[in-house]
Amino acid sequence: MGKVLVICGATATGKTALAAECAKTIGSAVISADSQLVYRGLDIGTAKPAEEEKLGVPHYMIDVAEPDREYSVSDYKNSALPIVENLLSLGKVPVICGGTGFYINSLLFDLSYGNVAANYAVRQKYEELAAERGREYVYEMLRSVDPESAAKLHCNDLKRVVRALEIYEVGGKRKSEINDCMRPRFEYVAVAVDYPREQLYERIGMRVDKMFEAGLVDEVRGLLARGIGADCRSMQAIGYKEVLEYLENGDMQCNVRDIIKRNTRRYAKRQITFFKKQLPGLITIGPEQANASFVLKLLNDGV
């Protein structure tokens, strides 16, 4: 079994361009690992790569779900893992690219993520409780039945708090009791571009500005016209939820652009923390090293 190349890290670090360059050089393909690129119609706010940005390289796991669908890590793994395995069987190096850590780890490691299928009725029950009584209330429910899992989460991380409760209620075991081992499925080299913090924030700001210039607000209006609203998981993505709130509340004093920039900076910090802690063997490189020749040398050297 051959190697897998992973290009990961924070948003706005040039992952997409670097992955396409690497895949083109070695005659392979890119498997996106981004929880928002899976949705059709969410293009501007997700910085979905245009055809010319793909450099003629096949890109998988983009536009695979309707925006009103619940799309889980298990859904992603079940679709993406066979693509990775097929490329390896053809003697090619799959290039996994994205900033969604749980997606990447679901491919690289033999993880069960609770091995409990999604139960949308249970999930909706807890989400409605959070809406009625607050996220802290639901978080306390988790802490009462699975304090170890609760200790690893913030009360505002409703998605994962609800998932832990879902595992407990449906599967009958605490999430903390489930032994998810970090046994690699493949040999891999994982690379993240590490920009100085201020430079990263500047890149984030420029990216958000470009989204507005490209018509982000009109994109959200179009999704709303199709019935894709705040109740859809896809619309909780940064960029979409802020514009959606702005359009629904009509708050002309709200500087949506600045709020999105702030929330994106916070998200980038969480991404950096996740990959440093949760992806063994991660190699961080400087912006000046973010090119195919340097990264592919790391791959070939097996660093």
C-alpha atoms as a PDB file:
ATOM      1  CA  MET A   1       0.000   0.000   0.000  1.00  0.00           C
ATOM      2  CA  GLY A   2       1.357   3.382  -1.016  1.00  0.00           C
ATOM      3  CA  LYS A   3       1.465   6.690   0.775  1.00  0.00           C
ATOM      4  CA  VAL A   4      -1.171   9.374   1.218  1.00  0.00           C
ATOM      5  CA  LEU A   5      -0.370  13.087   1.149  1.00  0.00           C
ATOM      6  CA  VAL A   6      -2.397  15.376   3.409  1.00  0.00           C
ATOM      7  CA  ILE A   7      -2.487  19.153   2.959  1.00  0.00           C
ATOM      8  CA  CYS A   8      -4.308  20.564   5.968  1.00  0.00           C
ATOM      9  CA  GLY A   9      -4.368  23.443   8.428  1.00  0.00           C
ATOM     10  CA  ALA A  10      -6.098  26.749   8.945  1.00  0.00           C
ATOM     11  CA  THR A  11      -8.353  28.487   6.484  1.00  0.00           C
ATOM     12  CA  ALA A  12      -6.780  30.972   4.036  1.00  0.00           C
ATOM     13  CA  THR A  13      -3.357  29.291   4.055  1.00  0.00           C
ATOM     14  CA  GLY A  14      -3.431  28.268   0.393  1.00  0.00           C
ATOM     15  CA  LYS A  15      -4.250  24.584   0.909  1.00  0.00           C
ATOM     16  CA  THR A  16      -6.338  24.268  -2.240  1.00  0.00           C
ATOM     17  CA  ALA A  17      -3.710  25.686  -4.595  1.00  0.00           C
ATOM     18  CA  LEU A  18      -0.905  23.680  -3.008  1.00  0.00           C
ATOM     19  CA  ALA A  19      -2.870  20.425  -3.161  1.00  0.00           C
ATOM     20  CA  ALA A  20      -3.788  20.955  -6.817  1.00  0.00           C
ATOM     21  CA  GLU A  21      -0.158  21.730  -7.670  1.00  0.00           C
ATOM     22  CA  CYS A  22       1.059  18.594  -5.896  1.00  0.00           C
ATOM     23  CA  ALA A  23      -1.595  16.358  -7.462  1.00  0.00           C
ATOM     24  CA  LYS A  24      -0.868  17.712 -10.943  1.00  0.00           C
ATOM     25  CA  THR A  25       2.854  17.128 -10.527  1.00  0.00           C
ATOM     26  CA  ILE A  26       2.417  13.481  -9.548  1.00  0.00           C
ATOM     27  CA  GLY A  27      -0.532  12.729 -11.823  1.00  0.00           C
ATOM     28  CA  SER A  28      -2.994  12.045  -9.040  1.00  0.00           C
ATOM     29  CA  ALA A  29      -6.218  13.543  -7.645  1.00  0.00           C
ATOM     30  CA  VAL A  30      -7.425  15.682  -4.755  1.00  0.00           C
ATOM     31  CA  ILE A  31      -9.925  14.451  -2.180  1.00  0.00           C
ATOM     32  CA  SER A  32     -11.489  17.444  -0.454  1.00  0.00           C
ATOM     33  CA  ALA A  33     -11.836  17.216   3.324  1.00  0.00           C
ATOM     34  CA  ASP A  34     -13.983  20.265   3.946  1.00  0.00           C
ATOM     35  CA  SER A  35     -17.353  19.975   5.663  1.00  0.00           C
ATOM     36  CA  GLN A  36     -18.848  22.863   3.664  1.00  0.00           C
ATOM     37  CA  LEU A  37     -17.498  22.085   0.198  1.00  0.00           C
ATOM     38  CA  VAL A  38     -19.693  18.977   0.194  1.00  0.00           C
ATOM     39  CA  TYR A  39     -22.791  21.177  -0.274  1.00  0.00           C
ATOM     40  CA  ARG A  40     -24.076  22.177  -3.699  1.00  0.00           C
ATOM     41  CA  GLY A  41     -24.859  25.863  -4.080  1.00  0.00           C
ATOM     42  CA  LEU A  42     -22.564  27.033  -1.286  1.00  0.00           C
ATOM     43  CA  ASP A  43     -19.815  28.374  -3.491  1.00  0.00           C
ATOM     44  CA  ILE A  44     -18.713  31.890  -2.595  1.00  0.00           C
ATOM     45  CA  GLY A  45     -18.758  31.638   1.188  1.00  0.00           C
ATOM     46  CA  THR A  46     -16.874  28.338   1.118  1.00  0.00           C
ATOM     47  CA  ALA A  47     -14.231  29.578  -1.364  1.00  0.00           C
ATOM     48  CA  LYS A  48     -15.083  26.576  -3.529  1.00  0.00           C
ATOM     49  CA  PRO A  49     -12.319  26.178  -6.126  1.00  0.00           C
ATOM     50  CA  ALA A  50     -13.158  27.245  -9.673  1.00  0.00           C
ATOM     51  CA  GLU A  51     -12.278  24.915 -12.545  1.00  0.00           C
ATOM     52  CA  GLU A  52      -9.151  26.893 -13.411  1.00  0.00           C
ATOM     53  CA  GLU A  53      -7.944  26.580  -9.814  1.00  0.00           C
ATOM     54  CA  LYS A  54      -8.159  22.795 -10.055  1.00  0.00           C
ATOM     55  CA  LEU A  55      -5.400  22.811 -12.700  1.00  0.00           C
ATOM     56  CA  GLY A  56      -7.143  20.041 -14.614  1.00  0.00           C
ATOM     57  CA  VAL A  57      -6.790  17.685 -11.648  1.00  0.00           C
ATOM     58  CA  PRO A  58      -9.788  15.537 -10.570  1.00  0.00           C
ATOM     59  CA  HIS A  59     -11.276  16.826  -7.312  1.00  0.00           C
ATOM     60  CA  TYR A  60     -13.528  14.558  -5.270  1.00  0.00           C
ATOM     61  CA  MET A  61     -15.978  15.163  -2.387  1.00  0.00           C
ATOM     62  CA  ILE A  62     -17.101  18.577  -3.636  1.00  0.00           C
ATOM     63  CA  ASP A  63     -20.802  19.216  -4.382  1.00  0.00           C
ATOM     64  CA  VAL A  64     -21.904  15.776  -3.176  1.00  0.00           C
ATOM     65  CA  ALA A  65     -24.862  16.803  -0.970  1.00  0.00           C
ATOM     66  CA  GLU A  66     -27.873  19.073  -1.166  1.00  0.00           C
ATOM     67  CA  PRO A  67     -27.681  21.989   1.307  1.00  0.00           C
ATOM     68  CA  ASP A  68     -30.799  20.869   3.171  1.00  0.00           C
ATOM     69  CA  ARG A  69     -29.227  17.507   3.996  1.00  0.00           C
ATOM     70  CA  GLU A  70     -27.553  16.508   7.249  1.00  0.00           C
ATOM     71  CA  TYR A  71     -24.092  15.318   6.277  1.00  0.00           C
ATOM     72  CA  SER A  72     -22.026  13.525   8.907  1.00  0.00           C
ATOM     73  CA  VAL A  73     -18.434  12.394   9.309  1.00  0.00           C
ATOM     74  CA  SER A  74     -19.635   8.850   8.655  1.00  0.00           C
ATOM     75  CA  ASP A  75     -21.302   9.932   5.409  1.00  0.00           C
ATOM     76  CA  TYR A  76     -18.055  11.542   4.358  1.00  0.00           C
ATOM     77  CA  LYS A  77     -15.877   8.557   5.274  1.00  0.00           C
ATOM     78  CA  ASN A  78     -18.179   6.081   3.529  1.00  0.00           C
ATOM     79  CA  SER A  79     -17.912   8.057   0.278  1.00  0.00           C
ATOM     80  CA  ALA A  80     -14.317   9.287   0.431  1.00  0.00           C
ATOM     81  CA  LEU A  81     -12.484   6.241   1.765  1.00  0.00           C
ATOM     82  CA  PRO A  82     -13.187   4.068  -1.323  1.00  0.00           C
ATOM     83  CA  ILE A  83     -11.799   6.879  -3.502  1.00  0.00           C
ATOM     84  CA  VAL A  84      -8.575   6.944  -1.489  1.00  0.00           C
ATOM     85  CA  GLU A  85      -8.288   3.153  -1.627  1.00  0.00           C
ATOM     86  CA  ASN A  86      -8.944   3.073  -5.376  1.00  0.00           C
ATOM     87  CA  LEU A  87      -6.237   5.645  -6.079  1.00  0.00           C
ATOM     88  CA  LEU A  88      -3.793   3.664  -3.971  1.00  0.00           C
ATOM     89  CA  SER A  89      -4.689   0.476  -5.843  1.00  0.00           C
ATOM     90  CA  LEU A  90      -3.802   2.285  -9.085  1.00  0.00           C
ATOM     91  CA  GLY A  91      -0.392   3.171  -7.682  1.00  0.00           C
ATOM     92  CA  LYS A  92      -1.260   6.842  -7.195  1.00  0.00           C
ATOM     93  CA  VAL A  93      -0.754   9.077  -4.173  1.00  0.00           C
ATOM     94  CA  PRO A  94      -4.119  10.475  -3.015  1.00  0.00           C
ATOM     95  CA  VAL A  95      -3.890  14.129  -1.985  1.00  0.00           C
ATOM     96  CA  ILE A  96      -6.316  14.821   0.861  1.00  0.00           C
ATOM     97  CA  CYS A  97      -6.887  18.532   1.260  1.00  0.00           C
ATOM     98  CA  GLY A  98      -8.960  20.442   3.767  1.00  0.00           C
ATOM     99  CA  GLY A  99      -9.453  22.037   7.120  1.00  0.00           C
ATOM    100  CA  THR A 100     -12.036  19.732   8.676  1.00  0.00           C
ATOM    101  CA  GLY A 101      -9.966  17.658  11.051  1.00  0.00           C
ATOM    102  CA  PHE A 102     -12.582  15.028  11.789  1.00  0.00           C
ATOM    103  CA  TYR A 103     -12.991  14.352   8.062  1.00  0.00           C
ATOM    104  CA  ILE A 104      -9.261  13.888   7.604  1.00  0.00           C
ATOM    105  CA  ASN A 105      -8.868  11.648  10.638  1.00  0.00           C
ATOM    106  CA  SER A 106     -11.830   9.513   9.559  1.00  0.00           C
ATOM    107  CA  LEU A 107      -9.829   8.584   6.453  1.00  0.00           C
ATOM    108  CA  LEU A 108      -6.383   8.227   7.996  1.00  0.00           C
ATOM    109  CA  PHE A 109      -7.335   6.277  11.106  1.00  0.00           C
ATOM    110  CA  ASP A 110      -9.583   3.376  11.995  1.00  0.00           C
ATOM    111  CA  LEU A 111     -12.003   5.359  14.134  1.00  0.00           C
ATOM    112  CA  SER A 112     -15.544   4.405  15.045  1.00  0.00           C
ATOM    113  CA  TYR A 113     -16.697   7.903  16.111  1.00  0.00           C
ATOM    114  CA  GLY A 114     -19.029   6.083  18.432  1.00  0.00           C
ATOM    115  CA  ASN A 115     -20.080   3.604  15.726  1.00  0.00           C
ATOM    116  CA  VAL A 116     -23.630   4.877  16.238  1.00  0.00           C
ATOM    117  CA  ALA A 117     -25.648   5.917  13.214  1.00  0.00           C
ATOM    118  CA  ALA A 118     -27.206   9.354  13.230  1.00  0.00           C
ATOM    119  CA  ASN A 119     -30.656   9.490  14.782  1.00  0.00           C
ATOM    120  CA  TYR A 120     -32.201  12.733  13.636  1.00  0.00           C
ATOM    121  CA  ALA A 121     -35.193  12.527  15.969  1.00  0.00           C
ATOM    122  CA  VAL A 122     -32.895  12.329  18.997  1.00  0.00           C
ATOM    123  CA  ARG A 123     -30.631  15.006  17.579  1.00  0.00           C
ATOM    124  CA  GLN A 124     -33.578  17.329  16.924  1.00  0.00           C
ATOM    125  CA  LYS A 125     -34.842  16.819  20.462  1.00  0.00           C
ATOM    126  CA  TYR A 126     -31.602  18.104  21.978  1.00  0.00           C
ATOM    127  CA  GLU A 127     -31.291  20.927  19.467  1.00  0.00           C
ATOM    128  CA  GLU A 128     -34.791  22.095  20.340  1.00  0.00           C
ATOM    129  CA  LEU A 129     -33.933  21.910  24.028  1.00  0.00           C
ATOM    130  CA  ALA A 130     -30.907  24.073  23.366  1.00  0.00           C
ATOM    131  CA  ALA A 131     -33.062  26.602  21.527  1.00  0.00           C
ATOM    132  CA  GLU A 132     -35.634  26.685  24.321  1.00  0.00           C
ATOM    133  CA  ARG A 133     -33.446  26.478  27.427  1.00  0.00           C
ATOM    134  CA  GLY A 134     -29.995  27.378  26.204  1.00  0.00           C
ATOM    135  CA  ARG A 135     -26.867  25.497  25.245  1.00  0.00           C
ATOM    136  CA  GLU A 136     -25.678  25.412  28.840  1.00  0.00           C
ATOM    137  CA  TYR A 137     -28.742  23.339  29.769  1.00  0.00           C
ATOM    138  CA  VAL A 138     -27.959  20.684  27.149  1.00  0.00           C
ATOM    139  CA  TYR A 139     -24.294  20.752  28.102  1.00  0.00           C
ATOM    140  CA  GLU A 140     -25.234  20.053  31.729  1.00  0.00           C
ATOM    141  CA  MET A 141     -27.299  17.086  30.527  1.00  0.00           C
ATOM    142  CA  LEU A 142     -24.171  15.672  28.913  1.00  0.00           C
ATOM    143  CA  ARG A 143     -22.080  16.380  31.979  1.00  0.00           C
ATOM    144  CA  SER A 144     -24.545  14.455  34.133  1.00  0.00           C
ATOM    145  CA  VAL A 145     -24.269  11.281  32.018  1.00  0.00           C
ATOM    146  CA  ASP A 146     -20.762  11.551  30.522  1.00  0.00           C
ATOM    147  CA  PRO A 147     -18.609  14.022  32.451  1.00  0.00           C
ATOM    148  CA  GLU A 148     -15.409  12.882  30.722  1.00  0.00           C
ATOM    149  CA  SER A 149     -16.725  13.746  27.270  1.00  0.00           C
ATOM    150  CA  ALA A 150     -18.215  16.993  28.558  1.00  0.00           C
ATOM    151  CA  ALA A 151     -14.857  18.038  29.971  1.00  0.00           C
ATOM    152  CA  LYS A 152     -13.380  17.928  26.456  1.00  0.00           C
ATOM    153  CA  LEU A 153     -16.070  20.165  24.977  1.00  0.00           C
ATOM    154  CA  HIS A 154     -17.263  23.750  25.342  1.00  0.00           C
ATOM    155  CA  CYS A 155     -20.941  24.332  25.999  1.00  0.00           C
ATOM    156  CA  ASN A 156     -21.140  26.387  22.790  1.00  0.00           C
ATOM    157  CA  ASP A 157     -19.940  23.434  20.714  1.00  0.00           C
ATOM    158  CA  LEU A 158     -23.541  22.300  20.411  1.00  0.00           C
ATOM    159  CA  LYS A 159     -22.986  19.963  17.477  1.00  0.00           C
ATOM    160  CA  ARG A 160     -20.527  17.744  19.354  1.00  0.00           C
ATOM    161  CA  VAL A 161     -22.377  18.019  22.671  1.00  0.00           C
ATOM    162  CA  VAL A 162     -25.526  16.774  20.935  1.00  0.00           C
ATOM    163  CA  ARG A 163     -23.582  14.021  19.175  1.00  0.00           C
ATOM    164  CA  ALA A 164     -22.209  12.757  22.512  1.00  0.00           C
ATOM    165  CA  LEU A 165     -25.731  12.712  23.951  1.00  0.00           C
ATOM    166  CA  GLU A 166     -26.961  10.970  20.816  1.00  0.00           C
ATOM    167  CA  ILE A 167     -24.326   8.251  21.178  1.00  0.00           C
ATOM    168  CA  TYR A 168     -25.292   7.746  24.818  1.00  0.00           C
ATOM    169  CA  GLU A 169     -29.029   7.609  24.144  1.00  0.00           C
ATOM    170  CA  VAL A 170     -28.972   5.533  20.961  1.00  0.00           C
ATOM    171  CA  GLY A 171     -25.907   3.372  21.541  1.00  0.00           C
ATOM    172  CA  GLY A 172     -26.293   2.858  25.256  1.00  0.00           C
ATOM    173  CA  LYS A 173     -22.645   3.678  26.011  1.00  0.00           C
ATOM    174  CA  ARG A 174     -20.864   6.865  26.961  1.00  0.00           C
ATOM    175  CA  LYS A 175     -18.767   8.303  24.162  1.00  0.00           C
ATOM    176  CA  SER A 176     -15.839   8.393  26.580  1.00  0.00           C
ATOM    177  CA  GLU A 177     -16.126   4.609  27.030  1.00  0.00           C
ATOM    178  CA  ILE A 178     -15.689   3.888  23.341  1.00  0.00           C
ATOM    179  CA  ASN A 179     -12.123   3.033  22.431  1.00  0.00           C
ATOM    180  CA  ASP A 180     -11.367   4.931  19.226  1.00  0.00           C
ATOM    181  CA  CYS A 181      -7.801   3.896  18.459  1.00  0.00           C
ATOM    182  CA  MET A 182      -5.491   6.026  16.341  1.00  0.00           C
ATOM    183  CA  ARG A 183      -4.287   3.141  14.168  1.00  0.00           C
ATOM    184  CA  PRO A 184      -3.308   4.519  10.742  1.00  0.00           C
ATOM    185  CA  ARG A 185      -4.945   2.868   7.752  1.00  0.00           C
ATOM    186  CA  PHE A 186      -2.208   4.130   5.454  1.00  0.00           C
ATOM    187  CA  GLU A 187       1.287   5.495   5.577  1.00  0.00           C
ATOM    188  CA  TYR A 188       0.868   9.248   5.253  1.00  0.00           C
ATOM    189  CA  VAL A 189       2.703  12.550   5.225  1.00  0.00           C
ATOM    190  CA  ALA A 190       0.662  15.466   6.594  1.00  0.00           C
ATOM    191  CA  VAL A 191       1.688  19.060   5.917  1.00  0.00           C
ATOM    192  CA  ALA A 192       0.254  22.362   7.152  1.00  0.00           C
ATOM    193  CA  VAL A 193       1.362  25.837   6.084  1.00  0.00           C
ATOM    194  CA  ASP A 194       2.083  27.945   9.151  1.00  0.00           C
ATOM    195  CA  TYR A 195       1.730  31.682   8.570  1.00  0.00           C
ATOM    196  CA  PRO A 196       2.692  34.239  11.222  1.00  0.00           C
ATOM    197  CA  ARG A 197      -0.523  35.100  13.040  1.00  0.00           C
ATOM    198  CA  GLU A 198      -0.849  38.680  11.789  1.00  0.00           C
ATOM    199  CA  GLN A 199      -0.147  37.612   8.229  1.00  0.00           C
ATOM    200  CA  LEU A 200      -2.756  34.882   8.498  1.00  0.00           C
ATOM    201  CA  TYR A 201      -5.311  37.357   9.795  1.00  0.00           C
ATOM    202  CA  GLU A 202      -4.534  39.691   6.917  1.00  0.00           C
ATOM    203  CA  ARG A 203      -5.107  36.853   4.451  1.00  0.00           C
ATOM    204  CA  ILE A 204      -8.399  36.015   6.152  1.00  0.00           C
ATOM    205  CA  GLY A 205      -9.504  39.633   5.871  1.00  0.00           C
ATOM    206  CA  MET A 206      -8.662  39.760   2.170  1.00  0.00           C
ATOM    207  CA  ARG A 207     -10.479  36.499   1.587  1.00  0.00           C
ATOM    208  CA  VAL A 208     -13.662  37.718   3.251  1.00  0.00           C
ATOM    209  CA  ASP A 209     -13.512  40.974   1.274  1.00  0.00           C
ATOM    210  CA  LYS A 210     -13.294  38.967  -1.952  1.00  0.00           C
ATOM    211  CA  MET A 211     -16.334  36.922  -0.914  1.00  0.00           C
ATOM    212  CA  PHE A 212     -18.431  40.047  -0.524  1.00  0.00           C
ATOM    213  CA  GLU A 213     -17.165  41.433  -3.816  1.00  0.00           C
ATOM    214  CA  ALA A 214     -18.075  38.126  -5.490  1.00  0.00           C
ATOM    215  CA  GLY A 215     -21.680  38.348  -4.218  1.00  0.00           C
ATOM    216  CA  LEU A 216     -21.874  36.466  -0.917  1.00  0.00           C
ATOM    217  CA  VAL A 217     -25.006  38.315   0.211  1.00  0.00           C
ATOM    218  CA  ASP A 218     -26.805  37.517  -3.059  1.00  0.00           C
ATOM    219  CA  GLU A 219     -25.731  33.874  -2.748  1.00  0.00           C
ATOM    220  CA  VAL A 220     -27.359  33.675   0.681  1.00  0.00           C
ATOM    221  CA  ARG A 221     -30.488  35.406  -0.646  1.00  0.00           C
ATOM    222  CA  GLY A 222     -30.674  32.793  -3.390  1.00  0.00           C
ATOM    223  CA  LEU A 223     -30.366  29.952  -0.885  1.00  0.00           C
ATOM    224  CA  LEU A 224     -33.114  31.492   1.243  1.00  0.00           C
ATOM    225  CA  ALA A 225     -35.347  31.718  -1.826  1.00  0.00           C
ATOM    226  CA  ARG A 226     -34.866  27.965  -2.255  1.00  0.00           C
ATOM    227  CA  GLY A 227     -35.979  27.337   1.308  1.00  0.00           C
ATOM    228  CA  ILE A 228     -32.464  26.799   2.668  1.00  0.00           C
ATOM    229  CA  GLY A 229     -32.632  28.613   6.005  1.00  0.00           C
ATOM    230  CA  ALA A 230     -31.148  28.656   9.471  1.00  0.00           C
ATOM    231  CA  ASP A 231     -32.594  25.229  10.260  1.00  0.00           C
ATOM    232  CA  CYS A 232     -30.211  23.651   7.732  1.00  0.00           C
ATOM    233  CA  ARG A 233     -26.815  22.574   9.039  1.00  0.00           C
ATOM    234  CA  SER A 234     -25.113  23.909   5.927  1.00  0.00           C
ATOM    235  CA  MET A 235     -26.231  27.448   6.762  1.00  0.00           C
ATOM    236  CA  GLN A 236     -24.450  27.362  10.107  1.00  0.00           C
ATOM    237  CA  ALA A 237     -21.119  27.742   8.326  1.00  0.00           C
ATOM    238  CA  ILE A 238     -19.135  30.901   8.999  1.00  0.00           C
ATOM    239  CA  GLY A 239     -20.071  33.491   6.427  1.00  0.00           C
ATOM    240  CA  TYR A 240     -23.529  32.091   5.838  1.00  0.00           C
ATOM    241  CA  LYS A 241     -24.933  32.253   9.352  1.00  0.00           C
ATOM    242  CA  GLU A 242     -23.799  35.862   9.828  1.00  0.00           C
ATOM    243  CA  VAL A 243     -25.245  37.054   6.511  1.00  0.00           C
ATOM    244  CA  LEU A 244     -28.409  35.077   7.178  1.00  0.00           C
ATOM    245  CA  GLU A 245     -28.847  36.743  10.562  1.00  0.00           C
ATOM    246  CA  TYR A 246     -28.201  40.133   9.003  1.00  0.00           C
ATOM    247  CA  LEU A 247     -30.812  39.549   6.279  1.00  0.00           C
ATOM    248  CA  GLU A 248     -33.415  38.210   8.701  1.00  0.00           C
ATOM    249  CA  ASN A 249     -32.947  40.920  11.338  1.00  0.00           C
ATOM    250  CA  GLY A 250     -32.292  43.784   8.963  1.00  0.00           C
ATOM    251  CA  ASP A 251     -29.767  45.282  11.361  1.00  0.00           C
ATOM    252  CA  MET A 252     -28.168  48.007   9.273  1.00  0.00           C
ATOM    253  CA  GLN A 253     -25.803  48.883  12.119  1.00  0.00           C
ATOM    254  CA  CYS A 254     -24.254  45.449  11.986  1.00  0.00           C
ATOM    255  CA  ASN A 255     -20.964  45.254  10.122  1.00  0.00           C
ATOM    256  CA  VAL A 256     -21.392  41.716   8.865  1.00  0.00           C
ATOM    257  CA  ARG A 257     -18.059  41.717   7.100  1.00  0.00           C
ATOM    258  CA  ASP A 258     -16.115  42.463  10.282  1.00  0.00           C
ATOM    259  CA  ILE A 259     -18.063  39.844  12.230  1.00  0.00           C
ATOM    260  CA  ILE A 260     -17.250  37.201   9.627  1.00  0.00           C
ATOM    261  CA  LYS A 261     -13.582  38.159   9.722  1.00  0.00           C
ATOM    262  CA  ARG A 262     -13.554  37.871  13.517  1.00  0.00           C
ATOM    263  CA  ASN A 263     -15.345  34.513  13.518  1.00  0.00           C
ATOM    264  CA  THR A 264     -13.041  33.188  10.806  1.00  0.00           C
ATOM    265  CA  ARG A 265      -9.968  34.192  12.818  1.00  0.00           C
ATOM    266  CA  ARG A 266     -11.363  32.309  15.800  1.00  0.00           C
ATOM    267  CA  TYR A 267     -12.081  29.283  13.633  1.00  0.00           C
ATOM    268  CA  ALA A 268      -8.552  29.338  12.237  1.00  0.00           C
ATOM    269  CA  LYS A 269      -7.162  29.228  15.767  1.00  0.00           C
ATOM    270  CA  ARG A 270      -9.316  26.182  16.536  1.00  0.00           C
ATOM    271  CA  GLN A 271      -8.135  24.476  13.345  1.00  0.00           C
ATOM    272  CA  ILE A 272      -4.496  25.065  14.226  1.00  0.00           C
ATOM    273  CA  THR A 273      -5.022  23.658  17.714  1.00  0.00           C
ATOM    274  CA  PHE A 274      -6.850  20.597  16.405  1.00  0.00           C
ATOM    275  CA  PHE A 275      -4.232  19.594  13.864  1.00  0.00           C
ATOM    276  CA  LYS A 276      -1.329  20.124  16.253  1.00  0.00           C
ATOM    277  CA  LYS A 277      -2.979  17.975  18.918  1.00  0.00           C
ATOM    278  CA  GLN A 278      -4.964  15.440  16.900  1.00  0.00           C
ATOM    279  CA  LEU A 279      -2.891  14.659  13.804  1.00  0.00           C
ATOM    280  CA  PRO A 280       0.252  12.684  14.724  1.00  0.00           C
ATOM    281  CA  GLY A 281       3.353  13.475  12.714  1.00  0.00           C
ATOM    282  CA  LEU A 282       2.072  16.764  11.318  1.00  0.00           C
ATOM    283  CA  ILE A 283       4.804  18.747   9.555  1.00  0.00           C
ATOM    284  CA  THR A 284       4.437  22.523   9.596  1.00  0.00           C
ATOM    285  CA  ILE A 285       6.137  24.468   6.850  1.00  0.00           C
ATOM    286  CA  GLY A 286       6.591  28.170   6.205  1.00  0.00           C
ATOM    287  CA  PRO A 287       4.840  30.034   3.377  1.00  0.00           C
ATOM    288  CA  GLU A 288       8.079  30.120   1.393  1.00  0.00           C
ATOM    289  CA  GLN A 289       8.109  26.295   1.407  1.00  0.00           C
ATOM    290  CA  ALA A 290       4.492  25.945   0.249  1.00  0.00           C
ATOM    291  CA  ASN A 291       5.223  24.611  -3.205  1.00  0.00           C
ATOM    292  CA  ALA A 292       4.954  21.205  -4.830  1.00  0.00           C
ATOM    293  CA  SER A 293       8.674  20.545  -5.114  1.00  0.00           C
ATOM    294  CA  PHE A 294       9.292  21.061  -1.397  1.00  0.00           C
ATOM    295  CA  VAL A 295       6.207  19.141  -0.238  1.00  0.00           C
ATOM    296  CA  LEU A 296       6.769  16.229  -2.598  1.00  0.00           C
ATOM    297  CA  LYS A 297      10.353  15.952  -1.378  1.00  0.00           C
ATOM    298  CA  LEU A 298       8.942  15.528   2.141  1.00  0.00           C
ATOM    299  CA  LEU A 299       6.630  12.856   0.768  1.00  0.00           C
ATOM    300  CA  ASN A 300       9.400  10.993  -1.042  1.00  0.00           C
ATOM    301  CA  ASP A 301      11.785  11.255   1.908  1.00  0.00           C
ATOM    302  CA  GLY A 302       9.126   9.792   4.178  1.00  0.00           C
ATOM    303  CA  VAL A 303       9.775  12.435   6.838  1.00  0.00           C
END
